[in-house]
N, C-alpha and C. Protein backbone atom coordinates (compact mmCIF):
# COMPACT_ATOMS: atom_id res chain seq x y z
N UNK A 1 105.24 94.10 162.06
CA UNK A 1 105.19 93.97 160.62
C UNK A 1 104.94 92.54 160.23
N UNK A 2 104.36 92.38 159.08
CA UNK A 2 104.04 91.04 158.57
C UNK A 2 104.65 90.88 157.19
N UNK A 3 105.18 89.68 156.90
CA UNK A 3 105.62 89.39 155.53
C UNK A 3 104.48 88.77 154.75
N UNK A 4 103.52 88.25 155.45
CA UNK A 4 102.34 87.67 154.86
C UNK A 4 101.28 87.77 155.96
N UNK A 5 100.05 87.63 155.63
CA UNK A 5 99.02 87.74 156.65
C UNK A 5 99.33 86.84 157.82
N UNK A 6 99.28 87.44 159.05
CA UNK A 6 99.46 86.71 160.30
C UNK A 6 100.80 85.97 160.40
N UNK A 7 101.84 86.50 159.79
CA UNK A 7 103.15 85.86 159.85
C UNK A 7 104.15 86.82 160.47
N UNK A 8 104.94 86.35 161.43
CA UNK A 8 105.91 87.19 162.10
C UNK A 8 107.17 87.37 161.27
N UNK A 9 107.79 88.51 161.41
CA UNK A 9 109.06 88.80 160.75
C UNK A 9 110.18 88.41 161.72
N UNK A 10 111.23 87.75 161.24
CA UNK A 10 112.36 87.41 162.11
C UNK A 10 113.04 88.68 162.63
N UNK A 11 113.85 88.53 163.66
CA UNK A 11 114.64 89.64 164.19
C UNK A 11 115.49 90.25 163.08
N UNK A 12 115.63 91.57 163.11
CA UNK A 12 116.50 92.23 162.15
C UNK A 12 117.92 91.72 162.35
N UNK A 13 118.66 91.60 161.26
CA UNK A 13 120.04 91.15 161.34
C UNK A 13 120.42 90.34 160.12
N UNK A 14 121.63 89.79 160.18
CA UNK A 14 122.18 89.01 159.08
C UNK A 14 122.15 87.53 159.46
N UNK A 15 121.73 86.71 158.51
CA UNK A 15 121.62 85.26 158.70
C UNK A 15 122.41 84.57 157.60
N UNK A 16 123.29 83.65 157.98
CA UNK A 16 124.03 82.84 157.01
C UNK A 16 123.18 81.63 156.65
N UNK A 17 123.07 81.35 155.36
CA UNK A 17 122.30 80.20 154.91
C UNK A 17 123.11 78.93 155.17
N UNK A 18 122.46 77.96 155.77
CA UNK A 18 123.05 76.64 156.00
C UNK A 18 122.84 75.83 154.72
N UNK A 19 123.90 75.74 153.91
CA UNK A 19 123.75 75.10 152.60
C UNK A 19 123.43 73.61 152.69
N UNK A 20 123.80 72.96 153.79
CA UNK A 20 123.50 71.53 153.92
C UNK A 20 122.05 71.29 154.32
N UNK A 21 121.44 72.24 155.01
CA UNK A 21 120.05 72.09 155.46
C UNK A 21 119.05 72.74 154.51
N UNK A 22 119.55 73.44 153.49
CA UNK A 22 118.70 74.18 152.56
C UNK A 22 118.65 73.45 151.22
N UNK A 23 117.54 73.61 150.50
CA UNK A 23 117.41 72.96 149.20
C UNK A 23 116.86 73.90 148.14
N UNK A 24 117.31 73.68 146.93
CA UNK A 24 116.76 74.35 145.75
C UNK A 24 116.27 73.22 144.85
N UNK A 25 114.96 73.08 144.77
CA UNK A 25 114.36 72.05 143.93
C UNK A 25 113.80 72.70 142.67
N UNK A 26 113.78 71.94 141.58
CA UNK A 26 113.20 72.46 140.35
C UNK A 26 112.29 71.40 139.74
N UNK A 27 111.40 71.89 138.88
CA UNK A 27 110.53 71.02 138.10
C UNK A 27 110.38 71.65 136.73
N UNK A 28 110.47 70.84 135.71
CA UNK A 28 110.27 71.28 134.33
C UNK A 28 109.70 70.10 133.55
N UNK A 29 109.56 70.25 132.27
CA UNK A 29 109.07 69.15 131.43
C UNK A 29 110.05 68.96 130.28
N UNK A 30 110.04 67.76 129.75
CA UNK A 30 110.91 67.44 128.63
C UNK A 30 110.12 66.65 127.59
N UNK A 31 110.70 66.43 126.45
CA UNK A 31 110.10 65.72 125.32
C UNK A 31 108.72 66.30 125.02
N UNK A 32 108.74 67.51 124.48
CA UNK A 32 107.54 68.21 124.04
C UNK A 32 106.52 68.39 125.17
N UNK A 33 107.02 68.52 126.40
CA UNK A 33 106.15 68.79 127.54
C UNK A 33 105.43 67.59 128.09
N UNK A 34 105.78 66.40 127.65
CA UNK A 34 105.06 65.21 128.08
C UNK A 34 105.55 64.62 129.40
N UNK A 35 106.86 64.73 129.66
CA UNK A 35 107.43 64.05 130.82
C UNK A 35 108.01 65.05 131.81
N UNK A 36 107.65 64.92 133.08
CA UNK A 36 108.21 65.83 134.08
C UNK A 36 109.66 65.47 134.41
N UNK A 37 110.43 66.48 134.70
CA UNK A 37 111.80 66.31 135.17
C UNK A 37 111.89 67.08 136.47
N UNK A 38 112.35 66.41 137.51
CA UNK A 38 112.50 67.04 138.83
C UNK A 38 113.93 66.84 139.29
N UNK A 39 114.37 67.74 140.14
CA UNK A 39 115.71 67.59 140.68
C UNK A 39 116.08 68.71 141.62
N UNK A 40 117.37 68.82 141.86
CA UNK A 40 117.88 69.81 142.81
C UNK A 40 119.13 70.50 142.27
N UNK A 41 119.44 71.61 142.88
CA UNK A 41 120.72 72.29 142.73
C UNK A 41 121.31 72.41 144.13
N UNK A 42 122.63 72.45 144.23
CA UNK A 42 123.29 72.64 145.52
C UNK A 42 123.64 74.10 145.76
N UNK A 43 123.36 74.58 146.95
CA UNK A 43 123.70 75.95 147.32
C UNK A 43 125.17 76.01 147.68
N UNK A 44 125.86 77.01 147.12
CA UNK A 44 127.27 77.21 147.43
C UNK A 44 127.45 77.99 148.72
N UNK A 45 126.79 79.11 148.80
CA UNK A 45 126.80 79.93 150.02
C UNK A 45 125.67 80.95 149.90
N UNK A 46 125.33 81.57 151.02
CA UNK A 46 124.27 82.56 150.95
C UNK A 46 124.07 83.29 152.25
N UNK A 47 123.39 84.42 152.14
CA UNK A 47 123.15 85.27 153.29
C UNK A 47 121.83 86.00 153.12
N UNK A 48 121.09 86.12 154.21
CA UNK A 48 119.84 86.87 154.22
C UNK A 48 120.01 88.01 155.21
N UNK A 49 119.59 89.20 154.81
CA UNK A 49 119.60 90.34 155.72
C UNK A 49 118.16 90.77 155.94
N UNK A 50 117.70 90.65 157.17
CA UNK A 50 116.35 91.09 157.53
C UNK A 50 116.49 92.51 158.05
N UNK A 51 115.83 93.44 157.41
CA UNK A 51 115.95 94.86 157.73
C UNK A 51 114.69 95.36 158.44
N UNK A 52 114.82 96.53 159.01
CA UNK A 52 113.67 97.23 159.58
C UNK A 52 113.68 98.62 158.96
N UNK A 53 112.78 98.88 158.02
CA UNK A 53 111.59 98.13 157.67
C UNK A 53 111.92 96.91 156.81
N UNK A 54 111.06 95.91 156.90
CA UNK A 54 111.27 94.63 156.21
C UNK A 54 111.36 94.80 154.70
N UNK A 55 110.78 95.83 154.14
CA UNK A 55 110.84 96.05 152.69
C UNK A 55 112.27 96.24 152.19
N UNK A 56 113.18 96.61 153.07
CA UNK A 56 114.58 96.82 152.69
C UNK A 56 115.43 95.57 152.90
N UNK A 57 114.79 94.46 153.22
CA UNK A 57 115.52 93.19 153.41
C UNK A 57 116.12 92.74 152.09
N UNK A 58 117.17 91.92 152.17
CA UNK A 58 117.85 91.47 150.97
C UNK A 58 118.39 90.05 151.17
N UNK A 59 118.89 89.49 150.09
CA UNK A 59 119.48 88.15 150.14
C UNK A 59 120.49 88.01 149.03
N UNK A 60 121.50 87.19 149.27
CA UNK A 60 122.48 86.85 148.24
C UNK A 60 122.74 85.36 148.35
N UNK A 61 122.67 84.68 147.21
CA UNK A 61 122.86 83.22 147.19
C UNK A 61 123.63 82.85 145.93
N UNK A 62 124.57 81.93 146.09
CA UNK A 62 125.21 81.34 144.91
C UNK A 62 124.88 79.86 144.87
N UNK A 63 124.68 79.38 143.68
CA UNK A 63 124.35 77.98 143.43
C UNK A 63 125.42 77.43 142.50
N UNK A 64 125.91 76.25 142.78
CA UNK A 64 126.92 75.62 141.92
C UNK A 64 126.25 75.13 140.63
N UNK A 65 126.67 75.66 139.50
CA UNK A 65 126.05 75.29 138.22
C UNK A 65 126.23 73.81 137.92
N UNK A 66 127.30 73.20 138.40
CA UNK A 66 127.54 71.78 138.14
C UNK A 66 126.80 70.87 139.11
N UNK A 67 125.98 71.44 139.99
CA UNK A 67 125.27 70.63 140.98
C UNK A 67 123.87 70.21 140.50
N UNK A 68 123.52 70.54 139.26
CA UNK A 68 122.24 70.11 138.69
C UNK A 68 122.13 68.60 138.86
N UNK A 69 121.08 68.14 139.52
CA UNK A 69 120.91 66.70 139.78
C UNK A 69 119.46 66.32 139.53
N UNK A 70 119.24 65.58 138.46
CA UNK A 70 117.89 65.11 138.12
C UNK A 70 117.76 63.60 138.35
N UNK A 71 118.84 62.99 138.83
CA UNK A 71 118.83 61.56 139.06
C UNK A 71 119.24 60.75 137.85
N UNK A 72 119.57 61.42 136.77
CA UNK A 72 120.01 60.74 135.55
C UNK A 72 121.36 61.36 135.15
N UNK A 73 122.44 60.66 135.47
CA UNK A 73 123.80 61.17 135.30
C UNK A 73 124.11 61.71 133.92
N UNK A 74 123.69 61.01 132.88
CA UNK A 74 123.97 61.46 131.51
C UNK A 74 123.31 62.81 131.25
N UNK A 75 122.04 62.96 131.65
CA UNK A 75 121.34 64.24 131.47
C UNK A 75 122.01 65.32 132.31
N UNK A 76 122.36 65.00 133.55
CA UNK A 76 122.97 65.99 134.44
C UNK A 76 124.29 66.52 133.87
N UNK A 77 125.12 65.64 133.32
CA UNK A 77 126.38 66.07 132.70
C UNK A 77 126.09 66.93 131.47
N UNK A 78 125.07 66.58 130.70
CA UNK A 78 124.72 67.36 129.51
C UNK A 78 124.26 68.77 129.91
N UNK A 79 123.44 68.86 130.95
CA UNK A 79 122.95 70.17 131.41
C UNK A 79 124.12 71.02 131.93
N UNK A 80 125.12 70.41 132.56
CA UNK A 80 126.29 71.16 133.04
C UNK A 80 127.22 71.58 131.89
N UNK A 81 127.07 70.95 130.71
CA UNK A 81 127.94 71.23 129.57
C UNK A 81 127.64 72.59 128.95
N UNK A 82 128.45 72.95 127.95
CA UNK A 82 128.29 74.23 127.24
C UNK A 82 126.95 74.33 126.52
N UNK A 83 126.29 73.21 126.26
CA UNK A 83 124.97 73.24 125.61
C UNK A 83 123.92 73.93 126.46
N UNK A 84 124.06 73.84 127.78
CA UNK A 84 123.06 74.41 128.69
C UNK A 84 123.70 75.42 129.65
N UNK A 85 124.16 74.96 130.81
CA UNK A 85 124.64 75.88 131.85
C UNK A 85 126.10 76.30 131.68
N UNK A 86 126.88 75.56 130.92
CA UNK A 86 128.30 75.85 130.71
C UNK A 86 129.01 76.08 132.05
N UNK A 87 128.91 75.08 132.92
CA UNK A 87 129.46 75.18 134.28
C UNK A 87 130.98 75.38 134.29
N UNK A 88 131.68 74.94 133.26
CA UNK A 88 133.14 75.13 133.22
C UNK A 88 133.48 76.61 133.08
N UNK A 89 132.71 77.35 132.30
CA UNK A 89 132.94 78.78 132.10
C UNK A 89 132.23 79.62 133.15
N UNK A 90 131.03 79.21 133.54
CA UNK A 90 130.21 79.95 134.50
C UNK A 90 129.86 79.02 135.68
N UNK A 91 130.80 78.85 136.61
CA UNK A 91 130.60 77.85 137.68
C UNK A 91 129.50 78.19 138.68
N UNK A 92 129.06 79.44 138.71
CA UNK A 92 128.05 79.83 139.69
C UNK A 92 126.83 80.47 139.04
N UNK A 93 125.70 80.15 139.63
CA UNK A 93 124.45 80.85 139.35
C UNK A 93 124.25 81.73 140.57
N UNK A 94 123.96 83.00 140.36
CA UNK A 94 123.85 83.92 141.50
C UNK A 94 122.48 84.59 141.55
N UNK A 95 121.96 84.71 142.77
CA UNK A 95 120.71 85.45 142.99
C UNK A 95 120.99 86.54 144.01
N UNK A 96 120.52 87.74 143.69
CA UNK A 96 120.58 88.89 144.61
C UNK A 96 119.19 89.42 144.81
N UNK A 97 118.65 89.21 146.01
CA UNK A 97 117.36 89.77 146.35
C UNK A 97 117.55 91.19 146.83
N UNK A 98 116.84 92.14 146.23
CA UNK A 98 117.09 93.55 146.47
C UNK A 98 116.11 94.22 147.42
N UNK A 99 114.87 93.74 147.44
CA UNK A 99 113.85 94.36 148.29
C UNK A 99 112.63 93.45 148.36
N UNK A 100 111.83 93.67 149.39
CA UNK A 100 110.60 92.91 149.57
C UNK A 100 109.42 93.82 149.28
N UNK A 101 108.48 93.32 148.51
CA UNK A 101 107.26 94.08 148.19
C UNK A 101 106.06 93.21 148.55
N UNK A 102 104.94 93.85 148.74
CA UNK A 102 103.69 93.13 149.00
C UNK A 102 102.91 93.03 147.70
N UNK A 103 102.41 91.84 147.40
CA UNK A 103 101.55 91.69 146.23
C UNK A 103 100.14 92.14 146.60
N UNK A 104 99.27 92.21 145.63
CA UNK A 104 97.88 92.61 145.88
C UNK A 104 97.16 91.63 146.79
N UNK A 105 97.63 90.39 146.83
CA UNK A 105 96.99 89.38 147.68
C UNK A 105 97.59 89.34 149.09
N UNK A 106 98.56 90.23 149.37
CA UNK A 106 99.16 90.27 150.69
C UNK A 106 100.38 89.37 150.85
N UNK A 107 100.78 88.72 149.77
CA UNK A 107 101.94 87.85 149.80
C UNK A 107 103.21 88.67 149.63
N UNK A 108 104.24 88.31 150.38
CA UNK A 108 105.53 88.99 150.24
C UNK A 108 106.27 88.44 149.02
N UNK A 109 106.91 89.34 148.29
CA UNK A 109 107.67 88.97 147.09
C UNK A 109 109.05 89.60 147.19
N UNK A 110 110.08 88.76 147.09
CA UNK A 110 111.46 89.24 147.08
C UNK A 110 111.83 89.53 145.64
N UNK A 111 112.00 90.81 145.32
CA UNK A 111 112.38 91.24 143.98
C UNK A 111 113.89 91.18 143.87
N UNK A 112 114.39 90.56 142.81
CA UNK A 112 115.84 90.44 142.71
C UNK A 112 116.33 90.22 141.31
N UNK A 113 117.60 89.82 141.24
CA UNK A 113 118.27 89.57 139.97
C UNK A 113 118.92 88.20 140.01
N UNK A 114 118.72 87.45 138.95
CA UNK A 114 119.32 86.13 138.80
C UNK A 114 120.33 86.21 137.66
N UNK A 115 121.52 85.68 137.90
CA UNK A 115 122.56 85.67 136.86
C UNK A 115 122.90 84.22 136.53
N UNK A 116 122.69 83.88 135.25
CA UNK A 116 122.98 82.55 134.73
C UNK A 116 123.79 82.74 133.45
N UNK A 117 124.91 82.06 133.33
CA UNK A 117 125.78 82.16 132.14
C UNK A 117 126.16 83.61 131.84
N UNK A 118 126.36 84.41 132.89
CA UNK A 118 126.77 85.79 132.72
C UNK A 118 125.66 86.75 132.33
N UNK A 119 124.43 86.27 132.23
CA UNK A 119 123.28 87.09 131.86
C UNK A 119 122.42 87.31 133.10
N UNK A 120 122.11 88.57 133.38
CA UNK A 120 121.32 88.92 134.56
C UNK A 120 119.93 89.37 134.15
N UNK A 121 118.93 88.79 134.82
CA UNK A 121 117.53 89.13 134.56
C UNK A 121 116.80 89.31 135.89
N UNK A 122 115.73 90.09 135.87
CA UNK A 122 114.90 90.26 137.07
C UNK A 122 114.13 88.98 137.35
N UNK A 123 114.03 88.64 138.62
CA UNK A 123 113.27 87.47 139.06
C UNK A 123 112.56 87.84 140.35
N UNK A 124 111.31 87.40 140.47
CA UNK A 124 110.53 87.62 141.68
C UNK A 124 110.35 86.28 142.39
N UNK A 125 110.70 86.24 143.67
CA UNK A 125 110.53 85.04 144.49
C UNK A 125 109.36 85.29 145.43
N UNK A 126 108.31 84.51 145.26
CA UNK A 126 107.16 84.61 146.15
C UNK A 126 107.51 83.90 147.45
N UNK A 127 107.44 84.64 148.54
CA UNK A 127 107.84 84.09 149.84
C UNK A 127 106.64 83.39 150.48
N UNK A 128 106.87 82.16 150.86
CA UNK A 128 105.86 81.38 151.57
C UNK A 128 106.05 81.56 153.06
N UNK A 129 106.09 80.48 153.77
CA UNK A 129 106.27 80.53 155.22
C UNK A 129 107.65 81.03 155.59
N UNK A 130 107.71 81.92 156.58
CA UNK A 130 108.96 82.35 157.21
C UNK A 130 108.77 82.10 158.70
N UNK A 131 109.62 81.24 159.25
CA UNK A 131 109.46 80.84 160.64
C UNK A 131 110.72 81.18 161.43
N UNK A 132 110.65 82.21 162.28
CA UNK A 132 111.79 82.50 163.15
C UNK A 132 111.79 81.53 164.33
N UNK A 133 112.97 81.07 164.72
CA UNK A 133 113.10 80.15 165.85
C UNK A 133 114.41 80.48 166.56
N UNK A 134 114.35 81.49 167.43
CA UNK A 134 115.56 81.92 168.13
C UNK A 134 116.57 82.50 167.16
N UNK A 135 117.75 81.90 167.09
CA UNK A 135 118.83 82.36 166.22
C UNK A 135 118.68 81.83 164.78
N UNK A 136 117.70 80.99 164.55
CA UNK A 136 117.50 80.38 163.23
C UNK A 136 116.22 80.90 162.59
N UNK A 137 116.20 80.81 161.28
CA UNK A 137 114.95 81.06 160.57
C UNK A 137 114.87 80.09 159.42
N UNK A 138 113.66 79.71 159.11
CA UNK A 138 113.42 78.90 157.92
C UNK A 138 112.47 79.69 157.03
N UNK A 139 112.68 79.56 155.75
CA UNK A 139 111.85 80.29 154.80
C UNK A 139 111.65 79.43 153.56
N UNK A 140 110.49 79.60 152.95
CA UNK A 140 110.18 78.93 151.70
C UNK A 140 109.86 79.98 150.65
N UNK A 141 110.18 79.65 149.41
CA UNK A 141 109.88 80.56 148.32
C UNK A 141 109.74 79.82 147.02
N UNK A 142 109.06 80.45 146.07
CA UNK A 142 108.90 79.86 144.75
C UNK A 142 109.15 80.93 143.68
N UNK A 143 109.61 80.47 142.54
CA UNK A 143 109.84 81.36 141.40
C UNK A 143 109.73 80.54 140.13
N UNK A 144 109.47 81.22 139.03
CA UNK A 144 109.48 80.59 137.72
C UNK A 144 110.58 81.27 136.92
N UNK A 145 111.43 80.45 136.30
CA UNK A 145 112.57 80.97 135.54
C UNK A 145 112.43 80.51 134.09
N UNK A 146 112.54 81.47 133.17
CA UNK A 146 112.50 81.19 131.74
C UNK A 146 113.94 81.05 131.26
N UNK A 147 114.36 79.84 130.93
CA UNK A 147 115.76 79.60 130.56
C UNK A 147 116.16 80.35 129.30
N UNK A 148 115.23 80.61 128.40
CA UNK A 148 115.54 81.35 127.18
C UNK A 148 116.05 82.76 127.51
N UNK A 149 115.53 83.36 128.57
CA UNK A 149 115.95 84.71 128.96
C UNK A 149 117.43 84.77 129.33
N UNK A 150 118.02 83.61 129.61
CA UNK A 150 119.44 83.55 130.00
C UNK A 150 120.29 82.94 128.89
N UNK A 151 119.73 82.87 127.70
CA UNK A 151 120.48 82.35 126.57
C UNK A 151 120.61 80.84 126.54
N UNK A 152 119.85 80.13 127.37
CA UNK A 152 119.89 78.67 127.40
C UNK A 152 118.75 78.19 126.50
N UNK A 153 119.06 78.04 125.22
CA UNK A 153 118.01 77.76 124.23
C UNK A 153 118.19 76.41 123.52
N UNK A 154 119.11 75.60 123.99
CA UNK A 154 119.32 74.28 123.39
C UNK A 154 118.03 73.46 123.46
N UNK A 155 117.76 72.73 122.41
CA UNK A 155 116.65 71.77 122.34
C UNK A 155 115.29 72.42 122.57
N UNK A 156 115.06 73.54 121.89
CA UNK A 156 113.74 74.18 121.97
C UNK A 156 112.66 73.18 121.57
N UNK A 157 111.60 73.16 122.36
CA UNK A 157 110.50 72.25 122.08
C UNK A 157 110.70 70.86 122.64
N UNK A 158 111.93 70.47 122.90
CA UNK A 158 112.21 69.15 123.45
C UNK A 158 112.44 69.26 124.96
N UNK A 159 113.19 70.27 125.35
CA UNK A 159 113.48 70.52 126.76
C UNK A 159 112.60 71.67 127.22
N UNK A 160 112.04 71.56 128.42
CA UNK A 160 111.15 72.59 128.95
C UNK A 160 111.78 73.97 128.96
N UNK A 161 111.00 74.96 128.64
CA UNK A 161 111.47 76.34 128.63
C UNK A 161 111.52 76.93 130.03
N UNK A 162 110.51 76.63 130.83
CA UNK A 162 110.40 77.23 132.16
C UNK A 162 110.70 76.21 133.24
N UNK A 163 111.39 76.66 134.28
CA UNK A 163 111.64 75.85 135.45
C UNK A 163 110.88 76.45 136.61
N UNK A 164 110.16 75.62 137.32
CA UNK A 164 109.51 76.05 138.56
C UNK A 164 110.50 75.74 139.67
N UNK A 165 110.86 76.76 140.41
CA UNK A 165 111.86 76.63 141.47
C UNK A 165 111.16 76.70 142.82
N UNK A 166 111.55 75.79 143.73
CA UNK A 166 111.04 75.82 145.10
C UNK A 166 112.25 75.86 146.03
N UNK A 167 112.27 76.87 146.89
CA UNK A 167 113.38 77.04 147.84
C UNK A 167 112.91 76.70 149.24
N UNK A 168 113.73 75.97 149.96
CA UNK A 168 113.52 75.71 151.38
C UNK A 168 114.84 76.06 152.05
N UNK A 169 114.86 77.19 152.75
CA UNK A 169 116.10 77.76 153.27
C UNK A 169 116.11 77.74 154.79
N UNK A 170 117.24 77.32 155.33
CA UNK A 170 117.49 77.40 156.77
C UNK A 170 118.69 78.33 156.94
N UNK A 171 118.57 79.30 157.83
CA UNK A 171 119.66 80.26 158.03
C UNK A 171 119.85 80.51 159.54
N UNK A 172 121.08 80.86 159.91
CA UNK A 172 121.43 81.07 161.30
C UNK A 172 121.98 82.49 161.46
N UNK A 173 121.56 83.16 162.53
CA UNK A 173 121.98 84.54 162.80
C UNK A 173 123.50 84.60 162.93
N UNK A 174 124.08 85.67 162.39
CA UNK A 174 125.51 85.91 162.45
C UNK A 174 125.77 86.92 163.54
N UNK A 175 126.75 86.65 164.38
CA UNK A 175 127.16 87.60 165.41
C UNK A 175 126.19 87.69 166.49
């Protein structure tokens, strides 16, 4: 089976995400779309289950809402506040990947649900490279998230509406 053209599928099983070796990067724009903002979120914990057939594979990941890091402390604290992520009330952002589908171009897409501030919406993660290496696997993925869909509507027109997310995940086989 292939997750993408000419790409091998890792061994079936459960893999724990190594939160220190994995990254969640984002990119958006601010001030009426003129200036880019880039940064990261920290992964709290996560697990990938590779199934046979691969279409039944799944993933679960939590991200610490207070880990938003754009390199500007004042902005980062504001984004963690009740105006945006409300990390005090909703300390975790959660993603549940439910199944893998093939796009028309042959790219694998992990269909799932993202929960931000207690609101759950469907999100599709386009899977890039997946590289099995013995007991480890690395995977890349991208998604676009509309913050308005999660009730994060502060500073419309000033703060970017959509975030482009890039995932670089390292996971180790369990058991």
